[in-house]
């Protein structure tokens, strides 16, 4: 699956969109909730942090 994450200048995810679903609403929700707790290194422009968008691929593994 692929999440599109809008990150503010502080590195906080402010909006998360499912760009490509896993096929399971529960897995999509679990991945979005996990990424919501992440902190990112914000993009910079002219040496100053700025908001940006990053695509985050998520792979699920059954653990076997």
C-alpha atoms as a PDB file:
ATOM      1  CA  UNK A   1       0.000   0.000   0.000  1.00  0.00           C
ATOM      2  CA  UNK A   2       1.045   3.621  -0.351  1.00  0.00           C
ATOM      3  CA  UNK A   3       0.265   6.538   1.951  1.00  0.00           C
ATOM      4  CA  UNK A   4       0.589  10.178   0.899  1.00  0.00           C
ATOM      5  CA  UNK A   5       1.589  12.144   4.006  1.00  0.00           C
ATOM      6  CA  UNK A   6       1.395  15.929   4.269  1.00  0.00           C
ATOM      7  CA  UNK A   7       4.090  17.033   6.712  1.00  0.00           C
ATOM      8  CA  UNK A   8       4.198  20.488   8.304  1.00  0.00           C
ATOM      9  CA  UNK A   9       7.344  22.557   8.869  1.00  0.00           C
ATOM     10  CA  UNK A  10       7.741  21.001  12.335  1.00  0.00           C
ATOM     11  CA  UNK A  11       7.850  17.495  10.877  1.00  0.00           C
ATOM     12  CA  UNK A  12       4.368  16.519  12.061  1.00  0.00           C
ATOM     13  CA  UNK A  13       2.025  14.585   9.766  1.00  0.00           C
ATOM     14  CA  UNK A  14      -1.035  16.809   9.345  1.00  0.00           C
ATOM     15  CA  UNK A  15      -2.913  14.819   6.711  1.00  0.00           C
ATOM     16  CA  UNK A  16      -2.638  11.199   5.598  1.00  0.00           C
ATOM     17  CA  UNK A  17      -4.269   9.883   2.448  1.00  0.00           C
ATOM     18  CA  UNK A  18      -4.372   6.311   1.175  1.00  0.00           C
ATOM     19  CA  UNK A  19      -2.875   6.671  -2.298  1.00  0.00           C
ATOM     20  CA  UNK A  20      -2.970   2.928  -2.970  1.00  0.00           C
ATOM     21  CA  UNK A  21      -4.964   0.616  -0.712  1.00  0.00           C
ATOM     22  CA  UNK A  22      -3.810  -2.690   0.726  1.00  0.00           C
ATOM     23  CA  UNK A  23      -7.242  -4.048  -0.103  1.00  0.00           C
ATOM     24  CA  UNK A  24      -8.196  -4.156   3.568  1.00  0.00           C
ATOM     25  CA  UNK A  25      -9.841  -1.218   5.311  1.00  0.00           C
ATOM     26  CA  UNK A  26      -8.462  -2.427   8.666  1.00  0.00           C
ATOM     27  CA  UNK A  27      -4.867  -2.621   7.414  1.00  0.00           C
ATOM     28  CA  UNK A  28      -5.170   0.789   5.723  1.00  0.00           C
ATOM     29  CA  UNK A  29      -6.438   2.268   8.997  1.00  0.00           C
ATOM     30  CA  UNK A  30      -3.706   0.568  11.062  1.00  0.00           C
ATOM     31  CA  UNK A  31      -0.979   1.883   8.751  1.00  0.00           C
ATOM     32  CA  UNK A  32      -2.437   5.412   8.803  1.00  0.00           C
ATOM     33  CA  UNK A  33      -2.648   5.364  12.607  1.00  0.00           C
ATOM     34  CA  UNK A  34       0.959   4.199  12.911  1.00  0.00           C
ATOM     35  CA  UNK A  35       2.272   6.879  10.526  1.00  0.00           C
ATOM     36  CA  UNK A  36       0.244   9.525  12.377  1.00  0.00           C
ATOM     37  CA  UNK A  37       2.571   8.939  15.378  1.00  0.00           C
ATOM     38  CA  UNK A  38       5.745   9.349  13.314  1.00  0.00           C
ATOM     39  CA  UNK A  39       7.872  12.478  13.267  1.00  0.00           C
ATOM     40  CA  UNK A  40       9.545  13.464  10.006  1.00  0.00           C
ATOM     41  CA  UNK A  41      12.521  15.591   9.145  1.00  0.00           C
ATOM     42  CA  UNK A  42      10.809  18.457   7.301  1.00  0.00           C
ATOM     43  CA  UNK A  43      11.847  19.596   3.866  1.00  0.00           C
ATOM     44  CA  UNK A  44      13.911  22.768   3.744  1.00  0.00           C
ATOM     45  CA  UNK A  45      13.938  25.715   1.423  1.00  0.00           C
ATOM     46  CA  UNK A  46      16.657  28.328   1.747  1.00  0.00           C
ATOM     47  CA  UNK A  47      17.803  26.542   4.892  1.00  0.00           C
ATOM     48  CA  UNK A  48      14.385  26.932   6.574  1.00  0.00           C
ATOM     49  CA  UNK A  49      11.965  24.081   7.300  1.00  0.00           C
ATOM     50  CA  UNK A  50       8.859  24.036   5.099  1.00  0.00           C
ATOM     51  CA  UNK A  51       5.816  21.821   4.745  1.00  0.00           C
ATOM     52  CA  UNK A  52       5.829  19.121   2.106  1.00  0.00           C
ATOM     53  CA  UNK A  53       4.353  15.843   0.950  1.00  0.00           C
ATOM     54  CA  UNK A  54       6.006  12.433   1.124  1.00  0.00           C
ATOM     55  CA  UNK A  55       4.845   9.067  -0.199  1.00  0.00           C
ATOM     56  CA  UNK A  56       5.286   6.281   2.361  1.00  0.00           C
ATOM     57  CA  UNK A  57       5.164   2.693   1.071  1.00  0.00           C
ATOM     58  CA  UNK A  58       3.860   0.191   3.626  1.00  0.00           C
ATOM     59  CA  UNK A  59       4.397  -3.557   3.311  1.00  0.00           C
ATOM     60  CA  UNK A  60       2.530  -6.005   5.512  1.00  0.00           C
ATOM     61  CA  UNK A  61       4.100  -9.277   6.564  1.00  0.00           C
ATOM     62  CA  UNK A  62       2.264 -12.191   8.116  1.00  0.00           C
ATOM     63  CA  UNK A  63       5.251 -12.861  10.390  1.00  0.00           C
ATOM     64  CA  UNK A  64       5.720 -16.400   9.102  1.00  0.00           C
END
